[in-house]
Structures are given as structure tokens and as C-alpha cells.
């Protein structure tokens, strides 16, 4: 008799827990994270999933979306079990789960073999007018270094896929006599896309001892500033830059200041990765599913899992 009573109480307890949300994860409303509309990462992600109108407009996104930068989204996914965001491949670490896209794992190898399609370019431009000849010579030496085999090694070592390798800097350096002298009294300013920060800092650190210990400052505030502070309306302001990075191709008015394109260069490809909490059971999403998550059509994780 006691066994029957115990079984009944156990069954009732289980039913009670189920009624209170035993299968709670599928019922969780998806917390959608995104970058702001000036972000090259957002541009590449939205265009990559086919939700092009969301690249520059918040109006088409799911109500209640959360705006956060690369670091903010990474941090959020370590605690927000119902969240989804997207970051650069090199930022993905073991504190979050990086999702496959259309069944292909995000990796440098899959970017190289062109099977992982959710990717975007890393590019930069240099300014067209310089305050003095030394700054111009040093800026152009930096461009040559970045496009060299040595620059490609720095890019590859920091998680992106370099698109250039024009030769060894030990040889190319001879074309830039400015690098033979002491340049420790000159500072070059770099900025633009914050997604390129790690690569930009690595390139700066590698270049400086190879060009007279020129000083470098990296202040990355977004892809839009990559143009504004080198060739655009802020190029002569207090935040002027010699090199401006972008994690999307320059376009529109950004191309008009240098129609020849001689000041613009692509330096790498980078993958963009949708990320979730480690406990999230989802491992892969398609472009269509990501679009429907970001426009609100798939509003719970159950909608995604049962799609």
C-alpha cells in the first residue's frame, strides 16, 4: 500500500513540475542581439543570410531586439540561455557555442575552401592628404607591410584569412627607405571597424620594430569611421586617422573621395558566426531560419527546434 501511495505522489509531483514548465527551454522567447546599423559585422551578417533590408534598418527587426557590440554579444551569450547573436570568427571561444551555417562548421579551413558562406571582407583605406612627408611615407610603408607575407602571417595568426602575400618584408623594406631611420617620434593613427581590432593591433605591433619603431595608436569605433576619419568629414578633426579599417566593402559616398580606388585594399576574409549559450541544443541554422529569427517569425526556441 505504501508503495502505491509513493508511486502516486511521485507521479503527481512529476505532472506538477511539467505543468509548471518542465520543458521550459522550448518555451523560451528568443532574445535577439544585433549590432548597430553602422557596423560592418551587421552588414555582412544580414546580407549573408539574405535579410538585406536589415543591414541598414532597425524597423524590420523583431521587436525588443538588443543592440550590443562584438564584446557585449560574446559576454551576453555566456549567461543568456535564450539569446542569439553574431560575432567575428576570431572572437569565438569556448565560453559560447558557435553555430554551423547551412550545415557547414565555421572555421578558417572552411573559409579557405569556400564552403562556409557567411563571411565578409576586411578592408582598409589610407588618407589622401598628409600633414607631412614622413607620415605619408610611413603610412604607405605600413600598407606595403600589411600586403606582404609578413603581414599575411599576422592576419592568419589572428583568425582571419589573408588575401595577399606580395613577398617578404625583408626584401620589400628596401623600397621604403623611411623604415631605415628612427621613427619613434612619429605616431600613426589607426581605427575603424572594431571587429578588425585584434588584427589591426597585431599588424601595428609587427610593423613598428620593422620601420624605425614608429608609434601606433588603434582606436576602433566602427566601420563607418574607417572612411569618415581618413577621407571623410572628420579627416581633419581630433580623431583623424592615417589608416581606416572596415569589415564591409566601402560603398556609396565612401568611394567618391578616391574614384581610382588606389587608396583602398582588401586584406582578408573573415567568417561571421551565429552564437548561442553553451547549453542551447541547437547546433546549426540556415539562412532562412536566421532571417525568420531576426524578423520575429520564429519567436521561441521551440519554433526553431521544431521548424
Protein backbone atom coordinates (compact mmCIF):
# COMPACT_ATOMS: atom_id res chain seq x y z
CA UNK A 1 0.00 0.00 0.00
CA UNK A 2 2.85 2.37 0.89
CA UNK A 3 4.48 1.65 -2.50
CA UNK A 4 1.26 2.58 -4.29
CA UNK A 5 0.96 5.85 -2.33
CA UNK A 6 4.62 6.67 -3.00
CA UNK A 7 4.20 5.97 -6.74
CA UNK A 8 1.09 8.16 -6.85
CA UNK A 9 2.82 11.04 -5.06
CA UNK A 10 5.85 10.77 -7.35
CA UNK A 11 3.66 10.76 -10.45
CA UNK A 12 1.67 13.76 -9.25
CA UNK A 13 4.89 15.63 -8.48
CA UNK A 14 6.23 14.92 -11.98
CA UNK A 15 3.00 16.08 -13.58
CA UNK A 16 3.02 19.19 -11.43
CA UNK A 17 6.59 20.04 -12.48
CA UNK A 18 5.71 19.52 -16.13
CA UNK A 19 2.72 21.81 -15.79
CA UNK A 20 5.00 24.46 -14.29
CA UNK A 21 7.34 24.37 -17.23
CA UNK A 22 9.31 21.11 -17.27
CA UNK A 23 10.10 21.56 -20.99
CA UNK A 24 10.99 25.20 -20.37
CA UNK A 25 13.72 25.72 -22.96
CA UNK A 26 11.45 25.26 -25.99
CA UNK A 27 9.06 27.78 -24.45
CA UNK A 28 11.79 30.40 -24.03
CA UNK A 29 11.33 33.54 -26.12
CA UNK A 30 14.47 34.13 -28.18
CA UNK A 31 16.47 37.15 -27.05
CA UNK A 32 17.82 38.59 -30.29
CA UNK A 33 21.12 40.51 -30.22
CA UNK A 34 22.46 42.61 -33.07
CA UNK A 35 24.98 45.33 -33.89
CA UNK A 36 24.00 48.89 -34.80
CA UNK A 37 23.41 49.91 -38.40
CA UNK A 38 26.92 51.37 -38.87
CA UNK A 39 28.53 48.01 -38.11
CA UNK A 40 30.32 46.10 -40.86
CA UNK A 41 29.63 42.88 -38.98
CA UNK A 42 25.90 43.58 -39.09
CA UNK A 43 26.13 44.46 -42.78
CA UNK A 44 27.93 41.20 -43.58
CA UNK A 45 25.65 39.08 -41.40
CA UNK A 46 22.35 40.46 -42.67
CA UNK A 47 23.41 40.39 -46.31
CA UNK A 48 24.87 36.92 -45.82
CA UNK A 49 21.60 35.46 -44.56
CA UNK A 50 19.59 37.22 -47.28
CA UNK A 51 17.95 39.76 -44.94
CA UNK A 52 19.50 42.70 -46.79
CA UNK A 53 16.96 45.31 -45.69
CA UNK A 54 18.01 44.72 -42.07
CA UNK A 55 21.61 45.73 -42.82
CA UNK A 56 20.71 49.40 -42.52
CA UNK A 57 17.29 49.47 -40.89
CA UNK A 58 16.10 48.54 -37.40
CA UNK A 59 12.45 48.82 -38.45
CA UNK A 60 12.36 45.32 -39.96
CA UNK A 61 13.85 43.58 -36.90
CA UNK A 62 11.94 41.68 -34.23
CA UNK A 63 10.52 43.97 -31.50
CA UNK A 64 12.66 44.08 -28.38
CA UNK A 65 15.99 43.31 -30.05
CA UNK A 66 19.14 44.15 -28.08
CA UNK A 67 21.99 46.16 -29.56
CA UNK A 68 25.49 45.24 -28.38
CA UNK A 69 28.99 45.30 -29.82
CA UNK A 70 31.19 42.27 -30.50
CA UNK A 71 32.37 42.03 -26.89
CA UNK A 72 28.91 42.66 -25.50
CA UNK A 73 27.31 39.90 -27.54
CA UNK A 74 30.04 37.44 -26.59
CA UNK A 75 29.59 38.25 -22.90
CA UNK A 76 25.79 38.05 -23.14
CA UNK A 77 25.80 34.55 -24.62
CA UNK A 78 27.77 33.25 -21.62
CA UNK A 79 24.77 33.93 -19.37
CA UNK A 80 21.68 34.37 -21.57
CA UNK A 81 20.47 30.85 -22.29
CA UNK A 82 17.72 32.14 -24.58
CA UNK A 83 19.93 34.54 -26.51
CA UNK A 84 21.34 34.55 -30.03
CA UNK A 85 23.89 36.92 -31.50
CA UNK A 86 26.65 37.00 -34.09
CA UNK A 87 30.34 37.84 -33.88
CA UNK A 88 33.54 37.53 -35.87
CA UNK A 89 35.05 34.05 -36.08
CA UNK A 90 38.26 35.10 -34.34
CA UNK A 91 36.21 36.24 -31.31
CA UNK A 92 34.53 32.85 -30.79
CA UNK A 93 35.89 30.99 -27.77
CA UNK A 94 34.94 28.10 -25.52
CA UNK A 95 32.55 30.22 -23.42
CA UNK A 96 29.88 30.19 -26.15
CA UNK A 97 28.63 27.85 -28.88
CA UNK A 98 29.35 28.86 -32.46
CA UNK A 99 26.67 27.50 -34.79
CA UNK A 100 27.19 25.88 -38.16
CA UNK A 101 25.64 27.73 -41.10
CA UNK A 102 23.77 25.72 -43.73
CA UNK A 103 25.40 22.59 -42.27
CA UNK A 104 28.98 23.88 -42.55
CA UNK A 105 31.14 24.43 -39.48
CA UNK A 106 32.66 27.91 -39.07
CA UNK A 107 36.41 27.51 -39.40
CA UNK A 108 39.37 29.08 -41.19
CA UNK A 109 39.66 25.92 -43.29
CA UNK A 110 36.05 26.20 -44.48
CA UNK A 111 36.50 29.89 -45.30
CA UNK A 112 39.55 28.97 -47.37
CA UNK A 113 37.78 26.18 -49.25
CA UNK A 114 34.77 28.47 -49.77
CA UNK A 115 32.23 26.11 -48.19
CA UNK A 116 31.38 28.43 -45.29
CA UNK A 117 29.42 31.21 -46.96
CA UNK A 118 28.61 33.54 -44.08
CA UNK A 119 31.70 35.70 -44.45
CA UNK A 120 32.67 39.30 -45.01
CA UNK A 121 35.78 41.21 -46.13
CA UNK A 122 38.29 43.06 -44.02
CA UNK A 123 39.45 46.14 -45.94
CA UNK A 124 41.18 49.42 -45.24
CA UNK A 125 41.88 52.78 -46.83
CA UNK A 126 44.60 55.33 -46.18
CA UNK A 127 44.14 59.08 -46.18
CA UNK A 128 44.85 61.08 -49.31
CA UNK A 129 46.33 64.18 -47.74
CA UNK A 130 49.04 64.02 -45.08
CA UNK A 131 50.35 66.51 -42.58
CA UNK A 132 53.94 65.92 -43.68
CA UNK A 133 56.05 63.74 -45.96
CA UNK A 134 57.20 61.42 -43.18
CA UNK A 135 53.65 60.48 -42.19
CA UNK A 136 52.83 59.77 -45.83
CA UNK A 137 55.93 57.63 -46.33
CA UNK A 138 55.30 55.69 -43.11
CA UNK A 139 51.63 55.14 -43.95
CA UNK A 140 52.49 53.76 -47.37
CA UNK A 141 55.21 51.58 -45.83
CA UNK A 142 52.55 50.17 -43.46
CA UNK A 143 50.31 49.36 -46.43
CA UNK A 144 53.18 47.51 -48.11
CA UNK A 145 53.96 45.62 -44.90
CA UNK A 146 50.30 44.59 -44.45
CA UNK A 147 50.16 43.22 -48.01
CA UNK A 148 53.46 41.35 -47.58
CA UNK A 149 53.95 37.74 -46.50
CA UNK A 150 54.79 39.00 -43.01
CA UNK A 151 51.54 40.94 -42.84
CA UNK A 152 49.62 37.92 -44.09
CA UNK A 153 51.15 35.83 -41.31
CA UNK A 154 49.94 38.32 -38.69
CA UNK A 155 46.45 38.28 -40.19
CA UNK A 156 46.27 34.49 -40.37
CA UNK A 157 47.64 34.10 -36.84
CA UNK A 158 44.77 36.23 -35.56
CA UNK A 159 41.90 34.28 -37.04
CA UNK A 160 41.16 35.77 -40.46
CA UNK A 161 42.19 34.57 -43.93
CA UNK A 162 44.70 36.87 -45.61
CA UNK A 163 44.09 37.67 -49.27
CA UNK A 164 47.62 38.88 -50.06
CA UNK A 165 51.25 37.85 -49.83
CA UNK A 166 53.34 40.05 -52.08
CA UNK A 167 56.74 38.96 -50.80
CA UNK A 168 58.92 39.02 -47.71
CA UNK A 169 59.20 42.32 -45.87
CA UNK A 170 62.96 41.86 -45.54
CA UNK A 171 63.11 42.49 -49.31
CA UNK A 172 60.17 44.87 -49.73
CA UNK A 173 61.53 47.06 -46.93
CA UNK A 174 64.23 48.26 -49.32
CA UNK A 175 61.53 50.11 -51.31
CA UNK A 176 60.70 52.16 -48.19
CA UNK A 177 63.89 53.95 -47.03
CA UNK A 178 61.84 55.74 -44.36
CA UNK A 179 61.99 52.48 -42.41
CA UNK A 180 65.79 52.65 -42.19
CA UNK A 181 65.67 55.64 -39.84
CA UNK A 182 64.49 56.26 -36.30
CA UNK A 183 60.74 57.00 -36.42
CA UNK A 184 59.97 56.78 -32.73
CA UNK A 185 58.90 60.44 -32.72
CA UNK A 186 56.08 59.84 -35.23
CA UNK A 187 52.63 58.42 -34.40
CA UNK A 188 50.31 56.73 -36.91
CA UNK A 189 46.61 56.59 -36.00
CA UNK A 190 44.52 53.57 -36.95
CA UNK A 191 40.82 52.90 -36.40
CA UNK A 192 37.51 52.00 -37.98
CA UNK A 193 35.86 48.60 -37.55
CA UNK A 194 36.13 47.20 -34.04
CA UNK A 195 35.88 43.69 -35.50
CA UNK A 196 39.31 44.24 -37.03
CA UNK A 197 40.85 45.48 -33.77
CA UNK A 198 42.83 42.36 -32.92
CA UNK A 199 44.25 42.05 -36.43
CA UNK A 200 44.99 45.78 -36.65
CA UNK A 201 46.82 45.74 -33.33
CA UNK A 202 48.83 42.69 -34.37
CA UNK A 203 49.82 44.34 -37.66
CA UNK A 204 50.79 47.54 -35.84
CA UNK A 205 52.89 45.65 -33.30
CA UNK A 206 54.68 43.69 -36.04
CA UNK A 207 55.25 46.75 -38.23
CA UNK A 208 56.68 49.14 -35.66
CA UNK A 209 60.03 47.39 -34.98
CA UNK A 210 60.37 46.81 -38.71
CA UNK A 211 60.07 50.51 -39.52
CA UNK A 212 62.12 52.53 -37.09
CA UNK A 213 59.89 51.94 -34.05
CA UNK A 214 57.16 54.25 -35.31
CA UNK A 215 54.46 54.74 -32.66
CA UNK A 216 50.96 53.40 -33.42
CA UNK A 217 47.57 54.05 -31.85
CA UNK A 218 44.48 51.90 -32.55
CA UNK A 219 41.11 53.44 -31.69
CA UNK A 220 38.33 51.39 -33.29
CA UNK A 221 34.79 52.78 -33.25
CA UNK A 222 33.06 51.17 -36.24
CA UNK A 223 33.38 50.65 -39.98
CA UNK A 224 31.70 53.94 -40.84
CA UNK A 225 34.53 55.80 -39.13
CA UNK A 226 37.05 53.97 -41.30
CA UNK A 227 36.14 56.40 -44.08
CA UNK A 228 34.97 59.43 -42.11
CA UNK A 229 38.26 59.85 -40.23
CA UNK A 230 40.62 59.18 -43.15
CA UNK A 231 38.92 60.72 -46.19
CA UNK A 232 35.53 61.92 -44.97
CA UNK A 233 34.15 64.80 -42.97
CA UNK A 234 36.21 64.04 -39.84
CA UNK A 235 39.57 63.55 -41.54
CA UNK A 236 40.96 66.78 -40.10
CA UNK A 237 39.35 66.50 -36.67
CA UNK A 238 40.92 65.46 -33.38
CA UNK A 239 40.20 61.80 -34.17
CA UNK A 240 41.83 61.84 -37.62
CA UNK A 241 43.40 58.60 -38.84
CA UNK A 242 46.07 57.55 -41.27
CA UNK A 243 44.50 54.11 -41.85
CA UNK A 244 40.79 53.33 -41.59
CA UNK A 245 39.59 49.71 -41.42
CA UNK A 246 36.18 48.38 -42.42
CA UNK A 247 34.58 44.96 -42.06
CA UNK A 248 32.48 45.53 -45.18
CA UNK A 249 33.39 46.83 -48.62
CA UNK A 250 33.41 50.62 -48.85
CA UNK A 251 30.43 51.84 -50.85
CA UNK A 252 28.40 54.83 -51.99
CA UNK A 253 29.84 58.17 -50.96
CA UNK A 254 32.84 56.43 -49.42
CA UNK A 255 34.08 55.67 -52.93
CA UNK A 256 33.72 59.20 -54.25
CA UNK A 257 36.73 60.68 -52.45
CA UNK A 258 39.04 58.34 -54.38
CA UNK A 259 37.36 57.18 -57.62
CA UNK A 260 40.56 55.43 -58.72
CA UNK A 261 40.47 53.15 -55.68
CA UNK A 262 44.23 53.34 -55.27
CA UNK A 263 43.91 54.08 -51.55
CA UNK A 264 41.68 51.07 -50.78
CA UNK A 265 42.76 47.46 -50.18
CA UNK A 266 41.21 44.18 -49.15
CA UNK A 267 43.43 42.38 -46.65
CA UNK A 268 41.38 39.36 -45.55
CA UNK A 269 38.18 37.38 -45.42
CA UNK A 270 36.50 36.77 -42.07
CA UNK A 271 33.67 34.45 -41.10
CA UNK A 272 30.68 35.71 -39.14
CA UNK A 273 29.31 33.19 -36.67
CA UNK A 274 25.90 32.99 -35.03
CA UNK A 275 26.46 32.28 -31.34
CA UNK A 276 24.29 30.93 -28.52
CA UNK A 277 24.71 29.76 -24.93
CA UNK A 278 26.67 26.53 -24.41
CA UNK A 279 23.55 24.78 -23.09
CA UNK A 280 21.49 25.59 -26.17
CA UNK A 281 20.83 22.27 -28.00
CA UNK A 282 20.76 23.91 -31.46
CA UNK A 283 23.92 23.28 -33.49
CA UNK A 284 23.06 24.53 -36.99
CA UNK A 285 20.88 27.21 -38.53
CA UNK A 286 20.05 28.01 -42.13
CA UNK A 287 19.93 31.44 -43.71
CA UNK A 288 16.13 31.21 -43.80
CA UNK A 289 15.91 30.31 -40.11
CA UNK A 290 18.23 33.16 -39.10
CA UNK A 291 16.17 35.60 -41.16
CA UNK A 292 12.97 34.42 -39.50
CA UNK A 293 14.56 34.68 -36.04
CA UNK A 294 15.68 38.24 -36.71
CA UNK A 295 12.35 39.33 -38.21
CA UNK A 296 10.41 37.71 -35.35
CA UNK A 297 8.66 34.94 -37.27
CA UNK A 298 10.45 32.30 -35.18
CA UNK A 299 9.95 33.74 -31.70
CA UNK A 300 10.73 30.83 -29.36
CA UNK A 301 13.42 28.18 -29.35
CA UNK A 302 10.68 25.62 -29.76
CA UNK A 303 9.76 27.29 -33.06
CA UNK A 304 13.35 26.81 -34.22
CA UNK A 305 13.79 23.25 -32.96
CA UNK A 306 10.51 22.12 -34.49
CA UNK A 307 10.89 24.09 -37.72
